[in-house]
């Protein structure tokens, strides 16, 4: 019995000193496993007489129970200690600011769209929207674009399959042919149809054309502007665009010029150039004696007003359109338009904007 007491005391002391779950499991196997010391002692009971077996059997079971209880208690202690260490290691201090590398960035297209909206909102314009999937009538016919115009060709426009089997029987009906809008100008038609003049809107949004290179992508962003009122003339258009371009590029004395051009939906039509420099292969806006074409504009064609249900003898106005992606490239020095759509986090980290960088004419639009 003295050997049993000594062995039990030794095992209990060793259990108390064990510092890992793995070592504790090894100790359990060596004491209580199939070949353990306590198990081996219990196997000797079969060779004893009944009286001795009764006494030693009770002692062996008591020792086994004490060791098993000590093992369970120590296992619980080690588990609690391990959990505390893990919680301390994985602790997150929610009062700390977000790490810089985890911050999201606003895409340059979204930022420039907000900048454009802020400038025109200050002039009294409101934002209008329309569907990306348009019908042929709103996208072309109502904008005075003739049936044989190159813009209507398959190589330039994404046409969609007919939506109904009986579409063939509706030849000539408005809205039969569906397509991805090639410009945001259909929004002007829909807005004029929605209510009586006067109108003063901008229509930013996605547009689609079959084109792809450094300066063209199949999906890109445009903003259209429309003003319809009485006694509107080219002088109003010139002043509006002058204010916009000087604000968006942050050049108070930005040079510009209007060149005669042709668009089916405006008459007269013009393209606007801004002064720039290309010395050393570097484009600088507002400097030098070179010119850079920036947008198209003109007085709304009377036929477009008629299509939209507006009397051209009473109302007139101007319209303009420009590429948001191109403005972003020029303003922030982005060389390749295709990178806008590659979802490269490194690119966005470099060219993107903090979430709290909200464009405002009061605080400034430029970095």
Protein backbone atom coordinates (compact mmCIF):
# COMPACT_ATOMS: atom_id res chain seq x y z
CA UNK A 1 0.00 0.00 0.00
CA UNK A 2 2.94 2.25 0.69
CA UNK A 3 4.03 1.82 -2.94
CA UNK A 4 0.53 2.87 -4.10
CA UNK A 5 0.52 5.94 -1.87
CA UNK A 6 3.99 6.92 -3.03
CA UNK A 7 3.08 6.42 -6.70
CA UNK A 8 -0.15 8.42 -6.32
CA UNK A 9 1.66 11.33 -4.62
CA UNK A 10 4.33 11.30 -7.32
CA UNK A 11 1.74 11.33 -10.13
CA UNK A 12 -0.28 14.11 -8.49
CA UNK A 13 2.86 16.24 -8.14
CA UNK A 14 3.82 15.60 -11.75
CA UNK A 15 0.29 16.52 -12.92
CA UNK A 16 0.52 19.81 -11.04
CA UNK A 17 3.83 20.63 -12.78
CA UNK A 18 2.62 19.84 -16.32
CA UNK A 19 2.37 23.00 -18.53
CA UNK A 20 0.88 21.71 -21.80
CA UNK A 21 -2.10 19.70 -22.91
CA UNK A 22 0.13 17.34 -24.89
CA UNK A 23 2.34 16.55 -21.87
CA UNK A 24 -0.74 16.07 -19.73
CA UNK A 25 -2.15 13.55 -22.19
CA UNK A 26 1.13 11.62 -22.18
CA UNK A 27 1.00 11.54 -18.36
CA UNK A 28 -2.60 10.25 -18.44
CA UNK A 29 -1.67 7.42 -20.81
CA UNK A 30 1.38 6.47 -18.72
CA UNK A 31 -0.75 6.28 -15.56
CA UNK A 32 -4.24 5.21 -16.65
CA UNK A 33 -3.76 3.85 -20.17
CA UNK A 34 -3.90 0.16 -21.10
CA UNK A 35 -0.25 -0.16 -20.18
CA UNK A 36 -0.23 2.50 -17.47
CA UNK A 37 1.21 2.04 -13.99
CA UNK A 38 -2.12 2.25 -12.14
CA UNK A 39 -3.76 -0.04 -14.70
CA UNK A 40 -0.92 -2.53 -14.27
CA UNK A 41 -1.36 -2.58 -10.50
CA UNK A 42 -5.10 -3.21 -10.90
CA UNK A 43 -4.38 -6.23 -13.10
CA UNK A 44 -2.69 -7.93 -10.11
CA UNK A 45 -6.04 -8.16 -8.29
CA UNK A 46 -6.86 -11.43 -10.05
CA UNK A 47 -4.02 -13.26 -8.25
CA UNK A 48 -5.15 -12.18 -4.76
CA UNK A 49 -7.54 -13.92 -2.37
CA UNK A 50 -10.98 -12.44 -1.83
CA UNK A 51 -10.18 -10.49 1.36
CA UNK A 52 -6.97 -8.95 -0.02
CA UNK A 53 -8.67 -8.20 -3.36
CA UNK A 54 -11.42 -6.33 -1.54
CA UNK A 55 -9.03 -4.11 0.38
CA UNK A 56 -6.53 -3.39 -2.40
CA UNK A 57 -9.24 -3.06 -5.05
CA UNK A 58 -10.83 -0.23 -3.10
CA UNK A 59 -7.40 1.43 -2.67
CA UNK A 60 -6.56 1.11 -6.35
CA UNK A 61 -9.92 2.59 -7.41
CA UNK A 62 -9.52 5.45 -4.97
CA UNK A 63 -6.03 6.22 -6.34
CA UNK A 64 -7.33 5.97 -9.92
CA UNK A 65 -10.19 8.37 -9.15
CA UNK A 66 -7.83 10.90 -7.47
CA UNK A 67 -5.47 10.85 -10.45
CA UNK A 68 -8.33 11.11 -12.99
CA UNK A 69 -9.82 14.06 -11.08
CA UNK A 70 -6.43 15.76 -10.92
CA UNK A 71 -5.94 15.24 -14.66
CA UNK A 72 -9.37 16.76 -15.47
CA UNK A 73 -8.77 19.74 -13.19
CA UNK A 74 -5.33 20.41 -14.68
CA UNK A 75 -6.71 20.06 -18.20
CA UNK A 76 -9.38 22.67 -17.43
CA UNK A 77 -6.73 25.03 -16.01
CA UNK A 78 -4.50 24.67 -19.06
CA UNK A 79 -7.49 25.18 -21.39
CA UNK A 80 -8.49 28.36 -19.59
CA UNK A 81 -4.92 29.64 -19.71
CA UNK A 82 -4.67 28.89 -23.43
CA UNK A 83 -7.98 30.66 -24.10
CA UNK A 84 -6.85 33.74 -22.15
CA UNK A 85 -3.62 33.86 -24.14
CA UNK A 86 -5.49 33.54 -27.43
CA UNK A 87 -7.98 36.25 -26.51
CA UNK A 88 -5.13 38.57 -25.49
CA UNK A 89 -3.33 37.88 -28.79
CA UNK A 90 -6.45 38.38 -30.94
CA UNK A 91 -7.75 41.35 -29.01
CA UNK A 92 -9.00 44.25 -31.15
CA UNK A 93 -9.08 47.75 -29.73
CA UNK A 94 -12.19 49.22 -31.35
CA UNK A 95 -11.23 52.69 -30.12
CA UNK A 96 -8.18 52.77 -32.41
CA UNK A 97 -8.52 54.40 -35.87
CA UNK A 98 -8.79 52.13 -38.91
CA UNK A 99 -5.40 51.20 -40.32
CA UNK A 100 -4.53 53.15 -43.44
CA UNK A 101 -4.11 50.07 -45.63
CA UNK A 102 -7.64 48.92 -44.77
CA UNK A 103 -9.31 52.16 -45.91
CA UNK A 104 -11.49 52.12 -49.02
CA UNK A 105 -10.93 54.61 -51.85
CA UNK A 106 -13.39 56.45 -54.09
CA UNK A 107 -12.87 55.78 -57.80
CA UNK A 108 -11.74 58.81 -59.85
CA UNK A 109 -14.80 58.52 -62.10
CA UNK A 110 -17.12 58.71 -59.08
CA UNK A 111 -15.12 61.63 -57.68
CA UNK A 112 -15.13 63.62 -60.92
CA UNK A 113 -18.85 62.93 -61.37
CA UNK A 114 -19.45 64.47 -57.95
CA UNK A 115 -17.20 67.42 -58.83
CA UNK A 116 -19.14 68.06 -62.05
CA UNK A 117 -22.44 67.75 -60.19
CA UNK A 118 -21.30 70.22 -57.51
CA UNK A 119 -20.33 72.83 -60.13
CA UNK A 120 -23.57 72.61 -62.11
CA UNK A 121 -25.69 72.38 -58.97
CA UNK A 122 -24.25 75.76 -58.00
CA UNK A 123 -25.57 77.09 -61.34
CA UNK A 124 -29.06 75.76 -60.64
CA UNK A 125 -28.92 72.49 -62.56
CA UNK A 126 -30.56 69.31 -61.27
CA UNK A 127 -29.49 65.72 -61.98
CA UNK A 128 -31.68 63.60 -64.29
CA UNK A 129 -31.34 59.88 -64.97
CA UNK A 130 -32.50 57.40 -67.60
CA UNK A 131 -32.20 53.70 -68.49
CA UNK A 132 -28.97 52.17 -69.81
CA UNK A 133 -31.02 49.96 -72.13
CA UNK A 134 -32.70 52.32 -74.56
CA UNK A 135 -34.93 52.05 -77.59
CA UNK A 136 -33.85 53.21 -81.02
CA UNK A 137 -36.33 56.08 -81.04
CA UNK A 138 -35.05 57.81 -77.90
CA UNK A 139 -31.39 57.08 -78.66
CA UNK A 140 -31.36 58.10 -82.33
CA UNK A 141 -34.61 59.21 -84.00
CA UNK A 142 -35.74 61.74 -81.39
CA UNK A 143 -32.25 63.27 -81.51
CA UNK A 144 -32.59 63.92 -85.26
CA UNK A 145 -30.06 61.21 -86.18
CA UNK A 146 -31.01 59.93 -89.67
CA UNK A 147 -31.46 56.20 -90.45
CA UNK A 148 -28.23 55.97 -92.47
CA UNK A 149 -26.04 57.74 -89.89
CA UNK A 150 -22.76 55.87 -89.07
CA UNK A 151 -23.62 55.92 -85.35
CA UNK A 152 -26.51 53.54 -86.03
CA UNK A 153 -24.28 50.88 -87.60
CA UNK A 154 -23.62 47.53 -85.91
CA UNK A 155 -19.88 48.23 -85.65
CA UNK A 156 -20.52 51.19 -83.35
CA UNK A 157 -23.66 50.26 -81.37
CA UNK A 158 -24.53 47.33 -79.11
CA UNK A 159 -27.95 46.20 -80.37
CA UNK A 160 -29.95 43.73 -78.29
CA UNK A 161 -31.96 40.73 -79.56
CA UNK A 162 -35.68 41.26 -80.11
CA UNK A 163 -37.60 40.90 -76.84
CA UNK A 164 -40.72 39.35 -78.38
CA UNK A 165 -41.53 36.99 -81.22
CA UNK A 166 -44.04 39.44 -82.72
CA UNK A 167 -41.52 42.28 -82.89
CA UNK A 168 -41.11 41.66 -86.62
CA UNK A 169 -44.73 42.65 -87.15
CA UNK A 170 -44.14 46.03 -85.53
CA UNK A 171 -41.72 47.41 -88.08
CA UNK A 172 -41.51 51.17 -87.79
CA UNK A 173 -43.13 51.39 -84.36
CA UNK A 174 -41.39 53.56 -81.77
CA UNK A 175 -39.23 51.55 -79.36
CA UNK A 176 -39.04 48.31 -81.36
CA UNK A 177 -35.24 48.06 -81.56
CA UNK A 178 -33.45 47.95 -78.21
CA UNK A 179 -29.80 48.81 -77.58
CA UNK A 180 -27.30 49.93 -74.97
CA UNK A 181 -27.42 53.72 -75.09
CA UNK A 182 -24.51 55.25 -77.00
CA UNK A 183 -24.77 58.59 -75.14
CA UNK A 184 -26.76 60.08 -72.27
CA UNK A 185 -28.66 62.41 -74.65
CA UNK A 186 -31.82 60.20 -74.51
CA UNK A 187 -32.20 61.42 -70.93
CA UNK A 188 -32.80 64.91 -72.35
CA UNK A 189 -35.70 63.62 -74.48
CA UNK A 190 -37.25 61.69 -71.59
CA UNK A 191 -36.93 64.68 -69.26
CA UNK A 192 -38.55 67.08 -71.73
CA UNK A 193 -41.38 64.59 -72.24
CA UNK A 194 -41.94 64.31 -68.49
CA UNK A 195 -43.12 67.88 -67.99
CA UNK A 196 -43.36 71.38 -69.46
CA UNK A 197 -40.38 73.78 -69.80
CA UNK A 198 -38.28 75.39 -68.50
CA UNK A 199 -35.64 72.69 -68.03
CA UNK A 200 -32.14 72.90 -66.56
CA UNK A 201 -30.54 69.47 -66.07
CA UNK A 202 -27.35 67.48 -66.30
CA UNK A 203 -27.47 63.74 -67.01
CA UNK A 204 -24.36 61.82 -65.93
CA UNK A 205 -24.21 58.08 -66.54
CA UNK A 206 -22.75 55.04 -68.28
CA UNK A 207 -22.72 54.77 -72.07
CA UNK A 208 -21.66 51.99 -74.44
CA UNK A 209 -19.93 51.80 -77.83
CA UNK A 210 -17.95 49.14 -79.73
CA UNK A 211 -14.49 50.59 -79.18
CA UNK A 212 -11.43 49.75 -77.08
CA UNK A 213 -7.93 51.29 -76.87
CA UNK A 214 -5.93 53.59 -74.56
CA UNK A 215 -8.55 56.35 -74.80
CA UNK A 216 -11.71 54.34 -75.58
CA UNK A 217 -13.53 51.53 -73.75
CA UNK A 218 -16.77 49.67 -74.59
CA UNK A 219 -18.34 51.16 -71.47
CA UNK A 220 -17.55 54.72 -70.44
CA UNK A 221 -19.13 57.69 -68.67
CA UNK A 222 -20.65 60.87 -70.07
CA UNK A 223 -22.52 63.87 -68.77
CA UNK A 224 -25.05 65.76 -70.87
CA UNK A 225 -26.35 69.21 -70.09
CA UNK A 226 -29.61 70.76 -71.21
CA UNK A 227 -31.17 74.18 -70.71
CA UNK A 228 -34.58 74.99 -72.24
CA UNK A 229 -36.18 78.38 -71.64
CA UNK A 230 -37.33 81.50 -73.44
CA UNK A 231 -34.75 83.75 -75.12
CA UNK A 232 -31.81 81.36 -74.62
CA UNK A 233 -28.85 82.00 -76.94
CA UNK A 234 -25.21 80.97 -77.57
CA UNK A 235 -23.99 83.59 -75.13
CA UNK A 236 -25.67 81.71 -72.29
CA UNK A 237 -24.02 78.47 -73.47
CA UNK A 238 -20.60 80.14 -73.68
CA UNK A 239 -20.85 81.63 -70.18
CA UNK A 240 -22.08 78.37 -68.64
CA UNK A 241 -19.27 76.29 -70.12
CA UNK A 242 -16.62 78.91 -69.35
CA UNK A 243 -17.62 78.85 -65.67
CA UNK A 244 -17.65 75.07 -65.61
CA UNK A 245 -14.26 74.49 -67.25
CA UNK A 246 -12.47 77.06 -65.11
CA UNK A 247 -13.96 75.51 -61.98
CA UNK A 248 -13.30 71.86 -62.84
CA UNK A 249 -9.64 72.44 -63.78
CA UNK A 250 -9.01 75.08 -61.12
CA UNK A 251 -7.66 77.64 -63.63
CA UNK A 252 -9.43 81.01 -63.17
CA UNK A 253 -8.13 82.47 -66.46
CA UNK A 254 -8.35 79.30 -68.57
CA UNK A 255 -8.20 80.06 -72.29
CA UNK A 256 -10.89 78.52 -74.50
CA UNK A 257 -12.42 78.81 -77.92
CA UNK A 258 -15.52 77.61 -79.75
CA UNK A 259 -15.10 76.05 -83.19
CA UNK A 260 -17.98 75.49 -85.63
CA UNK A 261 -18.90 71.82 -85.91
CA UNK A 262 -21.88 69.61 -86.77
CA UNK A 263 -24.11 67.42 -84.62
CA UNK A 264 -27.55 66.20 -85.78
CA UNK A 265 -29.21 67.27 -82.52
CA UNK A 266 -27.88 70.87 -82.32
CA UNK A 267 -27.92 73.81 -84.75
CA UNK A 268 -25.67 75.72 -84.71
CA UNK A 269 -23.11 73.28 -83.28
CA UNK A 270 -19.66 73.85 -81.87
CA UNK A 271 -16.72 72.10 -80.26
CA UNK A 272 -14.92 73.72 -77.35
CA UNK A 273 -11.14 73.76 -77.01
CA UNK A 274 -9.09 74.77 -73.98
CA UNK A 275 -5.56 76.16 -73.92
CA UNK A 276 -2.74 73.77 -73.08
CA UNK A 277 0.95 73.06 -73.41
CA UNK A 278 2.56 69.85 -74.70
CA UNK A 279 6.21 70.75 -74.18
CA UNK A 280 8.46 67.82 -73.36
CA UNK A 281 5.62 65.39 -73.98
CA UNK A 282 3.83 66.62 -70.84
CA UNK A 283 0.30 67.98 -71.15
CA UNK A 284 -0.39 71.03 -68.97
CA UNK A 285 -3.82 72.62 -69.02
CA UNK A 286 -4.00 76.39 -68.90
CA UNK A 287 -0.48 76.95 -70.23
CA UNK A 288 1.11 77.35 -73.65
CA UNK A 289 -0.26 78.05 -77.11
CA UNK A 290 -1.72 74.62 -78.03
CA UNK A 291 -5.37 73.65 -77.95
CA UNK A 292 -7.18 70.58 -76.65
CA UNK A 293 -10.72 69.62 -77.71
CA UNK A 294 -12.79 69.08 -74.58
CA UNK A 295 -16.52 68.87 -75.42
CA UNK A 296 -19.28 69.31 -77.99
CA UNK A 297 -22.20 71.71 -77.66
CA UNK A 298 -24.76 73.82 -79.50
CA UNK A 299 -28.31 75.14 -79.61
CA UNK A 300 -30.93 72.38 -79.44
CA UNK A 301 -32.23 71.58 -82.92
CA UNK A 302 -35.90 72.57 -83.44
CA UNK A 303 -36.71 69.02 -84.61
CA UNK A 304 -35.42 67.62 -81.32
CA UNK A 305 -37.74 69.97 -79.44
CA UNK A 306 -40.64 68.86 -81.64
CA UNK A 307 -39.89 65.16 -81.02
CA UNK A 308 -39.90 65.86 -77.27
CA UNK A 309 -43.21 67.74 -77.46
CA UNK A 310 -41.76 71.23 -76.95
CA UNK A 311 -42.85 74.10 -79.21
CA UNK A 312 -39.66 75.44 -80.89
CA UNK A 313 -41.42 78.72 -81.71
CA UNK A 314 -41.74 79.49 -78.01
CA UNK A 315 -38.87 77.67 -76.37
CA UNK A 316 -35.22 77.25 -77.24
CA UNK A 317 -32.13 76.15 -75.44
CA UNK A 318 -28.65 74.71 -75.52
CA UNK A 319 -27.09 71.31 -74.87
CA UNK A 320 -23.57 70.03 -74.33
CA UNK A 321 -21.85 66.71 -73.67
CA UNK A 322 -18.46 65.61 -72.41
CA UNK A 323 -16.69 62.46 -71.27
CA UNK A 324 -16.29 62.10 -67.50
CA UNK A 325 -13.48 59.56 -67.87
CA UNK A 326 -11.55 61.95 -70.11
CA UNK A 327 -11.94 64.81 -67.66
CA UNK A 328 -10.60 62.53 -64.90
CA UNK A 329 -7.62 61.54 -67.06
CA UNK A 330 -6.77 65.14 -67.89
CA UNK A 331 -7.27 66.52 -64.40
CA UNK A 332 -5.47 63.81 -62.43
CA UNK A 333 -2.83 62.70 -64.95
CA UNK A 334 -4.14 59.18 -65.62
CA UNK A 335 -2.47 57.89 -68.82
CA UNK A 336 -4.61 54.87 -69.79
CA UNK A 337 -8.40 54.76 -69.76
CA UNK A 338 -8.46 50.94 -69.61
CA UNK A 339 -6.99 51.00 -66.08
CA UNK A 340 -10.27 52.56 -64.87
CA UNK A 341 -11.98 49.18 -65.25
CA UNK A 342 -9.24 46.69 -64.24
CA UNK A 343 -10.15 46.63 -60.52
CA UNK A 344 -6.49 46.92 -59.50
CA UNK A 345 -6.41 47.83 -55.80
CA UNK A 346 -2.89 49.28 -56.14
CA UNK A 347 -4.06 51.61 -58.91
CA UNK A 348 -7.08 52.68 -56.89
CA UNK A 349 -4.91 53.25 -53.83
CA UNK A 350 -2.79 55.64 -55.91
CA UNK A 351 -5.47 57.47 -57.92
CA UNK A 352 -8.45 57.06 -55.59
CA UNK A 353 -9.83 59.52 -53.05
CA UNK A 354 -10.53 59.25 -49.31
CA UNK A 355 -14.16 58.65 -48.40
CA UNK A 356 -14.41 62.02 -46.65
CA UNK A 357 -13.11 63.97 -49.66
CA UNK A 358 -16.52 65.34 -50.66
CA UNK A 359 -16.33 67.80 -53.59
CA UNK A 360 -17.63 71.27 -52.79
CA UNK A 361 -17.15 74.69 -54.35
CA UNK A 362 -16.77 76.08 -50.83
CA UNK A 363 -13.88 73.79 -49.83
CA UNK A 364 -12.42 73.35 -53.32
CA UNK A 365 -12.53 70.61 -55.95
CA UNK A 366 -8.82 70.05 -56.47
CA UNK A 367 -6.25 68.21 -54.41
